Amino acid sequence: MFLLAGLLTAALALFTELDILLNLVCIGTLFVFYMVSNAVVYRRYVVGPTGSSTESGDRQPSAWPTLAFLLAFSLIALSFTLVWKLAPEGGRTRVGLLSACGAAAVATVGAFQALVPQAHTPELWGVPGMPWVPAASVFLNVFLLGSLDRPSYVRFGFFSAAAVLVYVLYSVHASYDAEESATLDGAKVQDEACRV
């Protein structure tokens, strides 16, 4: 499998222009960073350490406020990016719209921090400045994603669809088969506590 992936990657690099490959690498990396930043916020504000309750023993908080914040903040970042890219340069309108988007972004993060309690606080290590640091990452990633051209998004969509197809048709079944055969052989040992 690794040999096949290596051969496909080498063929792609051999027959594709460098600018196209660079844009594909950029769009993939920025999209992953965007998703991880959103996941960090979701994990801290919705999913408790055990996945079922918060530290105080209350029920798990609703995901809707966090999802609404992530969607609203992403739309504000997208609005800022579109104004930056499409509004005519040098005008007061552009500066006003960019300032309004920036103020809306700061107000959204501040309101979220004030109104939505964290589901848990990490014991050993956690992202500092929650939710400001992941929000800044979301904002910057959306802004940088907006600087890429349309053909890059078409290629990214094609390769993402191909990856999902491979995952659904092969990887899911292979991982279940491997897990089942390991369980039947008695080779799989699980530590239920998973303590460090």
N, C-alpha and C. Protein backbone atom coordinates (compact mmCIF):
# COMPACT_ATOMS: atom_id res chain seq x y z
N MET A 1 0.83 -1.19 0.00
CA MET A 1 0.00 0.00 0.00
C MET A 1 0.87 1.26 0.00
N PHE A 2 1.96 1.22 0.82
CA PHE A 2 2.84 2.38 0.88
C PHE A 2 3.57 2.58 -0.45
N LEU A 3 3.93 1.49 -1.11
CA LEU A 3 4.60 1.57 -2.40
C LEU A 3 3.67 2.18 -3.44
N LEU A 4 2.41 1.79 -3.43
CA LEU A 4 1.44 2.35 -4.36
C LEU A 4 1.24 3.84 -4.11
N ALA A 5 1.12 4.22 -2.85
CA ALA A 5 0.97 5.64 -2.52
C ALA A 5 2.20 6.43 -2.94
N GLY A 6 3.37 5.87 -2.74
CA GLY A 6 4.59 6.55 -3.16
C GLY A 6 4.67 6.71 -4.67
N LEU A 7 4.28 5.67 -5.41
CA LEU A 7 4.29 5.75 -6.87
C LEU A 7 3.28 6.78 -7.38
N LEU A 8 2.10 6.81 -6.79
CA LEU A 8 1.09 7.80 -7.20
C LEU A 8 1.56 9.22 -6.91
N THR A 9 2.18 9.41 -5.75
CA THR A 9 2.69 10.73 -5.39
C THR A 9 3.81 11.15 -6.33
N ALA A 10 4.71 10.23 -6.67
CA ALA A 10 5.80 10.54 -7.58
C ALA A 10 5.27 10.87 -8.98
N ALA A 11 4.28 10.12 -9.44
CA ALA A 11 3.70 10.40 -10.76
C ALA A 11 3.01 11.75 -10.77
N LEU A 12 2.31 12.07 -9.70
CA LEU A 12 1.64 13.36 -9.60
C LEU A 12 2.66 14.49 -9.62
N ALA A 13 3.76 14.33 -8.88
CA ALA A 13 4.79 15.37 -8.85
C ALA A 13 5.52 15.49 -10.17
N LEU A 14 5.67 14.40 -10.89
CA LEU A 14 6.39 14.40 -12.16
C LEU A 14 5.62 15.12 -13.26
N PHE A 15 4.30 14.94 -13.29
CA PHE A 15 3.51 15.45 -14.39
C PHE A 15 2.69 16.70 -14.05
N THR A 16 2.93 17.31 -12.91
CA THR A 16 2.15 18.47 -12.49
C THR A 16 3.08 19.66 -12.27
N GLU A 17 2.61 20.83 -12.64
CA GLU A 17 3.41 22.04 -12.44
C GLU A 17 3.57 22.32 -10.96
N LEU A 18 4.69 22.97 -10.63
CA LEU A 18 5.01 23.24 -9.24
C LEU A 18 4.00 24.17 -8.58
N ASP A 19 3.52 25.18 -9.29
CA ASP A 19 2.53 26.11 -8.72
C ASP A 19 1.24 25.39 -8.33
N ILE A 20 0.82 24.44 -9.14
CA ILE A 20 -0.39 23.68 -8.84
C ILE A 20 -0.19 22.83 -7.59
N LEU A 21 0.97 22.17 -7.51
CA LEU A 21 1.25 21.35 -6.32
C LEU A 21 1.34 22.20 -5.06
N LEU A 22 1.98 23.36 -5.18
CA LEU A 22 2.09 24.24 -4.01
C LEU A 22 0.73 24.71 -3.53
N ASN A 23 -0.15 25.06 -4.46
CA ASN A 23 -1.50 25.46 -4.05
C ASN A 23 -2.27 24.32 -3.41
N LEU A 24 -2.09 23.10 -3.93
CA LEU A 24 -2.76 21.95 -3.32
C LEU A 24 -2.24 21.69 -1.90
N VAL A 25 -0.93 21.80 -1.73
CA VAL A 25 -0.36 21.61 -0.39
C VAL A 25 -0.86 22.71 0.54
N CYS A 26 -0.90 23.94 0.05
CA CYS A 26 -1.36 25.06 0.89
C CYS A 26 -2.82 24.90 1.29
N ILE A 27 -3.67 24.58 0.33
CA ILE A 27 -5.10 24.48 0.64
C ILE A 27 -5.36 23.31 1.59
N GLY A 28 -4.67 22.21 1.39
CA GLY A 28 -4.85 21.07 2.29
C GLY A 28 -4.38 21.38 3.70
N THR A 29 -3.23 22.00 3.82
CA THR A 29 -2.68 22.33 5.13
C THR A 29 -3.55 23.36 5.85
N LEU A 30 -3.94 24.41 5.14
CA LEU A 30 -4.77 25.45 5.76
C LEU A 30 -6.12 24.90 6.18
N PHE A 31 -6.70 24.01 5.37
CA PHE A 31 -7.99 23.42 5.73
C PHE A 31 -7.86 22.55 6.98
N VAL A 32 -6.78 21.79 7.08
CA VAL A 32 -6.56 20.96 8.27
C VAL A 32 -6.37 21.85 9.50
N PHE A 33 -5.59 22.91 9.38
CA PHE A 33 -5.39 23.82 10.51
C PHE A 33 -6.71 24.48 10.93
N TYR A 34 -7.53 24.83 9.95
CA TYR A 34 -8.84 25.41 10.24
C TYR A 34 -9.70 24.42 11.03
N MET A 35 -9.73 23.18 10.58
CA MET A 35 -10.54 22.16 11.26
C MET A 35 -10.02 21.86 12.66
N VAL A 36 -8.71 21.81 12.83
CA VAL A 36 -8.14 21.55 14.15
C VAL A 36 -8.47 22.70 15.11
N SER A 37 -8.39 23.93 14.64
CA SER A 37 -8.73 25.07 15.50
C SER A 37 -10.18 25.00 15.96
N ASN A 38 -11.07 24.65 15.05
CA ASN A 38 -12.48 24.47 15.43
C ASN A 38 -12.64 23.32 16.41
N ALA A 39 -11.92 22.23 16.18
CA ALA A 39 -12.03 21.06 17.06
C ALA A 39 -11.52 21.36 18.47
N VAL A 40 -10.48 22.19 18.57
CA VAL A 40 -9.96 22.56 19.89
C VAL A 40 -11.02 23.29 20.70
N VAL A 41 -11.71 24.24 20.06
CA VAL A 41 -12.78 24.97 20.74
C VAL A 41 -13.92 24.02 21.11
N TYR A 42 -14.33 23.18 20.19
CA TYR A 42 -15.43 22.24 20.45
C TYR A 42 -15.08 21.31 21.59
N ARG A 43 -13.87 20.80 21.57
CA ARG A 43 -13.43 19.86 22.62
C ARG A 43 -13.44 20.51 24.00
N ARG A 44 -12.99 21.75 24.07
CA ARG A 44 -12.89 22.42 25.37
C ARG A 44 -14.25 22.86 25.89
N TYR A 45 -15.16 23.26 25.00
CA TYR A 45 -16.43 23.83 25.46
C TYR A 45 -17.59 22.85 25.45
N VAL A 46 -17.46 21.72 24.77
CA VAL A 46 -18.58 20.79 24.68
C VAL A 46 -18.26 19.44 25.29
N VAL A 47 -17.18 18.84 24.89
CA VAL A 47 -16.87 17.47 25.30
C VAL A 47 -16.02 17.51 26.56
N GLY A 48 -16.56 16.93 27.64
CA GLY A 48 -15.83 16.85 28.90
C GLY A 48 -14.72 15.82 28.82
N PRO A 49 -13.94 15.68 29.88
CA PRO A 49 -12.81 14.76 29.86
C PRO A 49 -13.21 13.31 29.63
N THR A 50 -14.38 12.90 30.08
CA THR A 50 -14.82 11.52 29.85
C THR A 50 -15.78 11.41 28.68
N GLY A 51 -16.19 12.56 28.15
CA GLY A 51 -17.14 12.55 27.04
C GLY A 51 -18.58 12.46 27.49
N SER A 52 -18.83 12.34 28.82
CA SER A 52 -20.21 12.19 29.26
C SER A 52 -20.63 13.23 30.30
N SER A 53 -19.68 13.79 31.02
CA SER A 53 -20.06 14.77 32.03
C SER A 53 -18.96 15.78 32.22
N THR A 54 -19.30 16.88 32.87
CA THR A 54 -18.30 17.90 33.16
C THR A 54 -17.60 17.55 34.46
N GLU A 55 -16.62 18.40 34.84
CA GLU A 55 -15.86 18.13 36.06
C GLU A 55 -16.74 18.13 37.30
N SER A 56 -17.76 18.97 37.31
CA SER A 56 -18.59 19.07 38.50
C SER A 56 -19.65 17.98 38.57
N GLY A 57 -19.69 17.11 37.56
CA GLY A 57 -20.65 16.01 37.58
C GLY A 57 -21.96 16.34 36.92
N ASP A 58 -22.10 17.56 36.37
CA ASP A 58 -23.33 17.94 35.69
C ASP A 58 -23.40 17.24 34.34
N ARG A 59 -24.56 17.42 33.70
CA ARG A 59 -24.71 16.86 32.36
C ARG A 59 -23.77 17.56 31.38
N GLN A 60 -23.48 16.88 30.27
CA GLN A 60 -22.64 17.47 29.24
C GLN A 60 -23.36 18.69 28.66
N PRO A 61 -22.65 19.79 28.46
CA PRO A 61 -23.30 20.99 27.93
C PRO A 61 -23.75 20.79 26.49
N SER A 62 -24.71 21.61 26.10
CA SER A 62 -25.24 21.54 24.74
C SER A 62 -24.18 22.01 23.75
N ALA A 63 -24.17 21.41 22.61
CA ALA A 63 -23.20 21.77 21.58
C ALA A 63 -23.63 22.98 20.76
N TRP A 64 -24.90 23.35 20.84
CA TRP A 64 -25.41 24.41 19.96
C TRP A 64 -24.74 25.76 20.15
N PRO A 65 -24.50 26.24 21.35
CA PRO A 65 -23.83 27.55 21.45
C PRO A 65 -22.44 27.55 20.83
N THR A 66 -21.71 26.47 21.03
CA THR A 66 -20.36 26.38 20.48
C THR A 66 -20.40 26.27 18.97
N LEU A 67 -21.29 25.45 18.44
CA LEU A 67 -21.41 25.32 16.99
C LEU A 67 -21.86 26.63 16.35
N ALA A 68 -22.79 27.34 17.01
CA ALA A 68 -23.23 28.63 16.50
C ALA A 68 -22.08 29.64 16.49
N PHE A 69 -21.27 29.63 17.55
CA PHE A 69 -20.11 30.52 17.60
C PHE A 69 -19.13 30.20 16.48
N LEU A 70 -18.81 28.91 16.29
CA LEU A 70 -17.85 28.53 15.26
C LEU A 70 -18.35 28.91 13.87
N LEU A 71 -19.64 28.71 13.62
CA LEU A 71 -20.21 29.08 12.32
C LEU A 71 -20.20 30.60 12.13
N ALA A 72 -20.66 31.34 13.15
CA ALA A 72 -20.71 32.80 13.05
C ALA A 72 -19.31 33.38 12.87
N PHE A 73 -18.36 32.86 13.63
CA PHE A 73 -17.01 33.40 13.53
C PHE A 73 -16.39 33.08 12.17
N SER A 74 -16.65 31.90 11.64
CA SER A 74 -16.15 31.55 10.31
C SER A 74 -16.77 32.44 9.25
N LEU A 75 -18.06 32.75 9.38
CA LEU A 75 -18.71 33.64 8.42
C LEU A 75 -18.17 35.06 8.51
N ILE A 76 -17.85 35.52 9.71
CA ILE A 76 -17.25 36.85 9.87
C ILE A 76 -15.87 36.88 9.21
N ALA A 77 -15.09 35.83 9.43
CA ALA A 77 -13.77 35.75 8.80
C ALA A 77 -13.89 35.70 7.28
N LEU A 78 -14.88 34.97 6.79
CA LEU A 78 -15.12 34.91 5.35
C LEU A 78 -15.54 36.27 4.81
N SER A 79 -16.38 36.99 5.56
CA SER A 79 -16.79 38.34 5.15
C SER A 79 -15.59 39.27 5.06
N PHE A 80 -14.71 39.22 6.06
CA PHE A 80 -13.50 40.04 6.06
C PHE A 80 -12.66 39.71 4.82
N THR A 81 -12.51 38.42 4.52
CA THR A 81 -11.71 37.98 3.38
C THR A 81 -12.31 38.48 2.07
N LEU A 82 -13.63 38.39 1.93
CA LEU A 82 -14.28 38.83 0.70
C LEU A 82 -14.18 40.34 0.53
N VAL A 83 -14.33 41.09 1.61
CA VAL A 83 -14.18 42.55 1.53
C VAL A 83 -12.74 42.88 1.14
N TRP A 84 -11.78 42.21 1.73
CA TRP A 84 -10.38 42.45 1.43
C TRP A 84 -10.08 42.18 -0.05
N LYS A 85 -10.69 41.13 -0.58
CA LYS A 85 -10.39 40.71 -1.94
C LYS A 85 -11.20 41.48 -2.98
N LEU A 86 -12.45 41.83 -2.69
CA LEU A 86 -13.33 42.37 -3.71
C LEU A 86 -13.57 43.88 -3.63
N ALA A 87 -13.46 44.48 -2.48
CA ALA A 87 -13.74 45.91 -2.36
C ALA A 87 -12.62 46.72 -3.02
N PRO A 88 -12.97 47.83 -3.66
CA PRO A 88 -11.94 48.65 -4.29
C PRO A 88 -10.98 49.23 -3.25
N GLU A 89 -9.70 49.24 -3.62
CA GLU A 89 -8.67 49.71 -2.68
C GLU A 89 -8.71 51.23 -2.53
N GLY A 90 -8.30 51.67 -1.35
CA GLY A 90 -8.14 53.09 -1.10
C GLY A 90 -9.40 53.83 -0.67
N GLY A 91 -10.53 53.18 -0.69
CA GLY A 91 -11.75 53.87 -0.32
C GLY A 91 -12.07 53.76 1.15
N ARG A 92 -12.85 54.71 1.63
CA ARG A 92 -13.28 54.67 3.04
C ARG A 92 -14.24 53.52 3.29
N THR A 93 -14.97 53.14 2.27
CA THR A 93 -15.92 52.04 2.41
C THR A 93 -15.20 50.75 2.78
N ARG A 94 -14.10 50.49 2.08
CA ARG A 94 -13.33 49.27 2.35
C ARG A 94 -12.80 49.28 3.77
N VAL A 95 -12.22 50.39 4.18
CA VAL A 95 -11.68 50.49 5.54
C VAL A 95 -12.78 50.33 6.58
N GLY A 96 -13.93 50.93 6.32
CA GLY A 96 -15.05 50.81 7.24
C GLY A 96 -15.57 49.39 7.35
N LEU A 97 -15.69 48.71 6.21
CA LEU A 97 -16.18 47.33 6.22
C LEU A 97 -15.17 46.39 6.90
N LEU A 98 -13.88 46.59 6.63
CA LEU A 98 -12.86 45.77 7.28
C LEU A 98 -12.86 46.00 8.79
N SER A 99 -13.01 47.25 9.20
CA SER A 99 -13.06 47.57 10.64
C SER A 99 -14.30 46.96 11.28
N ALA A 100 -15.42 47.02 10.58
CA ALA A 100 -16.66 46.43 11.11
C ALA A 100 -16.52 44.92 11.26
N CYS A 101 -15.91 44.26 10.29
CA CYS A 101 -15.70 42.81 10.39
C CYS A 101 -14.76 42.47 11.54
N GLY A 102 -13.70 43.25 11.69
CA GLY A 102 -12.76 43.03 12.80
C GLY A 102 -13.43 43.22 14.15
N ALA A 103 -14.24 44.30 14.27
CA ALA A 103 -14.95 44.55 15.52
C ALA A 103 -15.97 43.45 15.80
N ALA A 104 -16.66 42.98 14.77
CA ALA A 104 -17.62 41.89 14.95
C ALA A 104 -16.92 40.61 15.39
N ALA A 105 -15.74 40.35 14.85
CA ALA A 105 -14.98 39.16 15.25
C ALA A 105 -14.58 39.24 16.71
N VAL A 106 -14.05 40.36 17.13
CA VAL A 106 -13.64 40.52 18.54
C VAL A 106 -14.85 40.44 19.46
N ALA A 107 -15.96 41.08 19.08
CA ALA A 107 -17.17 41.04 19.91
C ALA A 107 -17.73 39.62 20.00
N THR A 108 -17.68 38.89 18.92
CA THR A 108 -18.20 37.51 18.92
C THR A 108 -17.39 36.62 19.86
N VAL A 109 -16.07 36.73 19.78
CA VAL A 109 -15.23 35.91 20.66
C VAL A 109 -15.42 36.32 22.12
N GLY A 110 -15.48 37.62 22.38
CA GLY A 110 -15.68 38.10 23.74
C GLY A 110 -17.01 37.64 24.32
N ALA A 111 -18.08 37.73 23.52
CA ALA A 111 -19.40 37.28 23.98
C ALA A 111 -19.41 35.79 24.24
N PHE A 112 -18.77 35.03 23.36
CA PHE A 112 -18.72 33.58 23.56
C PHE A 112 -17.97 33.24 24.84
N GLN A 113 -16.86 33.89 25.06
CA GLN A 113 -16.07 33.62 26.27
C GLN A 113 -16.86 33.98 27.53
N ALA A 114 -17.63 35.06 27.48
CA ALA A 114 -18.38 35.49 28.66
C ALA A 114 -19.63 34.65 28.90
N LEU A 115 -20.26 34.15 27.85
CA LEU A 115 -21.55 33.50 28.00
C LEU A 115 -21.51 31.97 28.06
N VAL A 116 -20.49 31.36 27.48
CA VAL A 116 -20.45 29.91 27.41
C VAL A 116 -19.33 29.39 28.31
N PRO A 117 -19.67 28.62 29.34
CA PRO A 117 -18.63 28.08 30.22
C PRO A 117 -17.90 26.91 29.55
N GLN A 118 -16.65 26.76 29.93
CA GLN A 118 -15.88 25.64 29.42
C GLN A 118 -16.36 24.34 30.04
N ALA A 119 -16.37 23.28 29.26
CA ALA A 119 -16.79 21.97 29.77
C ALA A 119 -15.74 21.39 30.70
N HIS A 120 -14.47 21.67 30.45
CA HIS A 120 -13.41 21.21 31.33
C HIS A 120 -12.16 22.05 31.12
N THR A 121 -11.30 22.01 32.11
CA THR A 121 -10.00 22.67 32.03
C THR A 121 -8.94 21.58 32.04
N PRO A 122 -8.04 21.59 31.07
CA PRO A 122 -7.03 20.54 31.01
C PRO A 122 -6.13 20.56 32.25
N GLU A 123 -5.74 19.37 32.69
CA GLU A 123 -4.88 19.26 33.86
C GLU A 123 -3.41 19.47 33.53
N LEU A 124 -2.94 18.85 32.45
CA LEU A 124 -1.52 18.91 32.14
C LEU A 124 -1.18 20.02 31.16
N TRP A 125 -1.84 20.05 30.04
CA TRP A 125 -1.53 21.03 29.01
C TRP A 125 -2.78 21.36 28.24
N GLY A 126 -2.93 22.61 27.89
CA GLY A 126 -4.06 23.03 27.09
C GLY A 126 -3.70 24.28 26.32
N VAL A 127 -4.50 24.60 25.34
CA VAL A 127 -4.27 25.79 24.54
C VAL A 127 -4.48 27.01 25.44
N PRO A 128 -3.49 27.91 25.53
CA PRO A 128 -3.66 29.10 26.36
C PRO A 128 -4.56 30.13 25.67
N GLY A 129 -5.11 31.03 26.45
CA GLY A 129 -5.91 32.11 25.88
C GLY A 129 -7.16 31.64 25.16
N MET A 130 -7.81 30.65 25.73
CA MET A 130 -9.02 30.10 25.12
C MET A 130 -10.13 31.11 25.19
N PRO A 131 -10.94 31.35 24.24
CA PRO A 131 -10.97 30.87 22.86
C PRO A 131 -10.26 31.80 21.88
N TRP A 132 -9.46 32.74 22.37
CA TRP A 132 -8.84 33.74 21.51
C TRP A 132 -7.81 33.16 20.55
N VAL A 133 -6.97 32.26 21.02
CA VAL A 133 -5.91 31.70 20.16
C VAL A 133 -6.50 30.85 19.03
N PRO A 134 -7.42 29.90 19.33
CA PRO A 134 -8.01 29.16 18.22
C PRO A 134 -8.84 30.04 17.29
N ALA A 135 -9.49 31.07 17.84
CA ALA A 135 -10.27 31.98 16.99
C ALA A 135 -9.34 32.75 16.04
N ALA A 136 -8.19 33.18 16.54
CA ALA A 136 -7.23 33.85 15.66
C ALA A 136 -6.74 32.90 14.57
N SER A 137 -6.55 31.65 14.92
CA SER A 137 -6.13 30.66 13.93
C SER A 137 -7.21 30.44 12.88
N VAL A 138 -8.46 30.35 13.30
CA VAL A 138 -9.57 30.21 12.34
C VAL A 138 -9.60 31.41 11.40
N PHE A 139 -9.49 32.59 11.98
CA PHE A 139 -9.55 33.83 11.18
C PHE A 139 -8.43 33.87 10.15
N LEU A 140 -7.20 33.59 10.58
CA LEU A 140 -6.07 33.63 9.67
C LEU A 140 -6.14 32.55 8.60
N ASN A 141 -6.59 31.37 8.98
CA ASN A 141 -6.70 30.29 7.99
C ASN A 141 -7.76 30.59 6.95
N VAL A 142 -8.88 31.14 7.36
CA VAL A 142 -9.92 31.51 6.39
C VAL A 142 -9.40 32.61 5.48
N PHE A 143 -8.69 33.58 6.05
CA PHE A 143 -8.13 34.67 5.25
C PHE A 143 -7.14 34.14 4.22
N LEU A 144 -6.26 33.24 4.64
CA LEU A 144 -5.27 32.68 3.72
C LEU A 144 -5.92 31.76 2.69
N LEU A 145 -6.95 31.03 3.09
CA LEU A 145 -7.68 30.20 2.12
C LEU A 145 -8.33 31.07 1.04
N GLY A 146 -8.73 32.27 1.43
CA GLY A 146 -9.35 33.18 0.46
C GLY A 146 -8.37 33.72 -0.57
N SER A 147 -7.08 33.58 -0.32
CA SER A 147 -6.10 34.09 -1.27
C SER A 147 -5.79 33.10 -2.40
N LEU A 148 -6.33 31.89 -2.30
CA LEU A 148 -6.05 30.88 -3.33
C LEU A 148 -7.06 31.01 -4.48
N ASP A 149 -6.68 30.52 -5.64
CA ASP A 149 -7.52 30.67 -6.82
C ASP A 149 -8.56 29.56 -6.93
N ARG A 150 -9.52 29.76 -7.82
CA ARG A 150 -10.63 28.83 -7.99
C ARG A 150 -10.19 27.44 -8.45
N PRO A 151 -9.28 27.31 -9.42
CA PRO A 151 -8.87 25.96 -9.82
C PRO A 151 -8.28 25.14 -8.66
N SER A 152 -7.66 25.81 -7.70
CA SER A 152 -7.12 25.09 -6.54
C SER A 152 -8.25 24.44 -5.75
N TYR A 153 -9.36 25.14 -5.60
CA TYR A 153 -10.49 24.58 -4.88
C TYR A 153 -11.13 23.42 -5.64
N VAL A 154 -11.17 23.52 -6.97
CA VAL A 154 -11.71 22.42 -7.77
C VAL A 154 -10.83 21.18 -7.60
N ARG A 155 -9.52 21.36 -7.67
CA ARG A 155 -8.60 20.23 -7.49
C ARG A 155 -8.71 19.66 -6.08
N PHE A 156 -8.79 20.55 -5.09
CA PHE A 156 -8.93 20.11 -3.71
C PHE A 156 -10.21 19.30 -3.52
N GLY A 157 -11.30 19.75 -4.13
CA GLY A 157 -12.56 19.01 -4.05
C GLY A 157 -12.45 17.64 -4.70
N PHE A 158 -11.78 17.58 -5.85
CA PHE A 158 -11.60 16.31 -6.55
C PHE A 158 -10.78 15.34 -5.69
N PHE A 159 -9.64 15.80 -5.17
CA PHE A 159 -8.80 14.91 -4.37
C PHE A 159 -9.45 14.55 -3.04
N SER A 160 -10.21 15.45 -2.46
CA SER A 160 -10.92 15.13 -1.21
C SER A 160 -12.00 14.08 -1.47
N ALA A 161 -12.71 14.23 -2.57
CA ALA A 161 -13.73 13.23 -2.91
C ALA A 161 -13.09 11.87 -3.17
N ALA A 162 -11.95 11.86 -3.84
CA ALA A 162 -11.24 10.59 -4.09
C ALA A 162 -10.78 9.97 -2.78
N ALA A 163 -10.28 10.80 -1.86
CA ALA A 163 -9.82 10.28 -0.56
C ALA A 163 -10.98 9.72 0.25
N VAL A 164 -12.12 10.40 0.24
CA VAL A 164 -13.30 9.90 0.95
C VAL A 164 -13.77 8.59 0.33
N LEU A 165 -13.72 8.50 -0.98
CA LEU A 165 -14.12 7.28 -1.67
C LEU A 165 -13.22 6.11 -1.28
N VAL A 166 -11.92 6.33 -1.25
CA VAL A 166 -10.99 5.28 -0.83
C VAL A 166 -11.25 4.90 0.62
N TYR A 167 -11.50 5.90 1.45
CA TYR A 167 -11.76 5.62 2.86
C TYR A 167 -13.01 4.78 3.04
N VAL A 168 -14.08 5.15 2.35
CA VAL A 168 -15.34 4.44 2.51
C VAL A 168 -15.28 3.04 1.90
N LEU A 169 -14.67 2.92 0.73
CA LEU A 169 -14.67 1.63 0.04
C LEU A 169 -13.60 0.67 0.55
N TYR A 170 -12.50 1.18 1.08
CA TYR A 170 -11.43 0.28 1.50
C TYR A 170 -11.06 0.40 2.97
N SER A 171 -10.73 1.58 3.41
CA SER A 171 -10.11 1.75 4.73
C SER A 171 -11.02 1.38 5.89
N VAL A 172 -12.29 1.74 5.82
CA VAL A 172 -13.21 1.41 6.90
C VAL A 172 -13.31 -0.10 7.07
N HIS A 173 -13.49 -0.81 5.97
CA HIS A 173 -13.62 -2.27 6.04
C HIS A 173 -12.32 -2.92 6.47
N ALA A 174 -11.20 -2.41 5.99
CA ALA A 174 -9.90 -3.00 6.36
C ALA A 174 -9.62 -2.81 7.85
N SER A 175 -9.97 -1.66 8.39
CA SER A 175 -9.72 -1.45 9.82
C SER A 175 -10.63 -2.31 10.68
N TYR A 176 -11.90 -2.47 10.27
CA TYR A 176 -12.79 -3.36 11.02
C TYR A 176 -12.34 -4.81 10.93
N ASP A 177 -11.90 -5.23 9.74
CA ASP A 177 -11.42 -6.60 9.58
C ASP A 177 -10.18 -6.84 10.42
N ALA A 178 -9.26 -5.88 10.44
CA ALA A 178 -8.03 -6.03 11.23
C ALA A 178 -8.35 -6.06 12.72
N GLU A 179 -9.27 -5.22 13.16
CA GLU A 179 -9.65 -5.21 14.57
C GLU A 179 -10.33 -6.51 14.96
N GLU A 180 -11.20 -7.01 14.09
CA GLU A 180 -11.91 -8.26 14.37
C GLU A 180 -10.95 -9.44 14.43
N SER A 181 -10.00 -9.51 13.51
CA SER A 181 -9.06 -10.64 13.52
C SER A 181 -8.13 -10.55 14.72
N ALA A 182 -7.75 -9.33 15.13
CA ALA A 182 -6.90 -9.19 16.32
C ALA A 182 -7.66 -9.58 17.58
N THR A 183 -8.94 -9.25 17.64
CA THR A 183 -9.76 -9.61 18.79
C THR A 183 -9.96 -11.12 18.86
N LEU A 184 -10.17 -11.75 17.72
CA LEU A 184 -10.37 -13.19 17.70
C LEU A 184 -9.09 -13.94 18.06
N ASP A 185 -7.94 -13.40 17.67
CA ASP A 185 -6.67 -14.05 17.98
C ASP A 185 -6.25 -13.81 19.42
N GLY A 186 -6.93 -12.92 20.09
CA GLY A 186 -6.57 -12.61 21.47
C GLY A 186 -5.37 -11.70 21.57
N ALA A 187 -4.95 -11.13 20.45
CA ALA A 187 -3.75 -10.29 20.44
C ALA A 187 -4.04 -8.88 20.92
N LYS A 188 -5.29 -8.50 20.92
CA LYS A 188 -5.62 -7.13 21.28
C LYS A 188 -5.85 -7.05 22.78
N VAL A 189 -5.10 -6.17 23.41
CA VAL A 189 -5.24 -5.95 24.85
C VAL A 189 -5.67 -4.50 25.04
N GLN A 190 -6.71 -4.30 25.79
CA GLN A 190 -7.19 -2.96 26.03
C GLN A 190 -7.06 -2.61 27.49
N ASP A 191 -6.62 -1.41 27.73
CA ASP A 191 -6.58 -0.88 29.08
C ASP A 191 -7.79 0.04 29.21
N GLU A 192 -8.77 -0.36 29.96
CA GLU A 192 -9.99 0.40 30.08
C GLU A 192 -9.76 1.76 30.72
N ALA A 193 -8.85 1.85 31.66
CA ALA A 193 -8.62 3.12 32.34
C ALA A 193 -7.81 4.08 31.48
N CYS A 194 -6.92 3.57 30.66
CA CYS A 194 -6.07 4.39 29.79
C CYS A 194 -5.36 5.48 30.59
N ARG A 195 -4.77 5.10 31.69
CA ARG A 195 -4.10 6.07 32.55
C ARG A 195 -2.65 6.26 32.13
N VAL A 196 -2.18 7.47 32.30
CA VAL A 196 -0.79 7.80 31.96
C VAL A 196 0.03 7.86 33.22
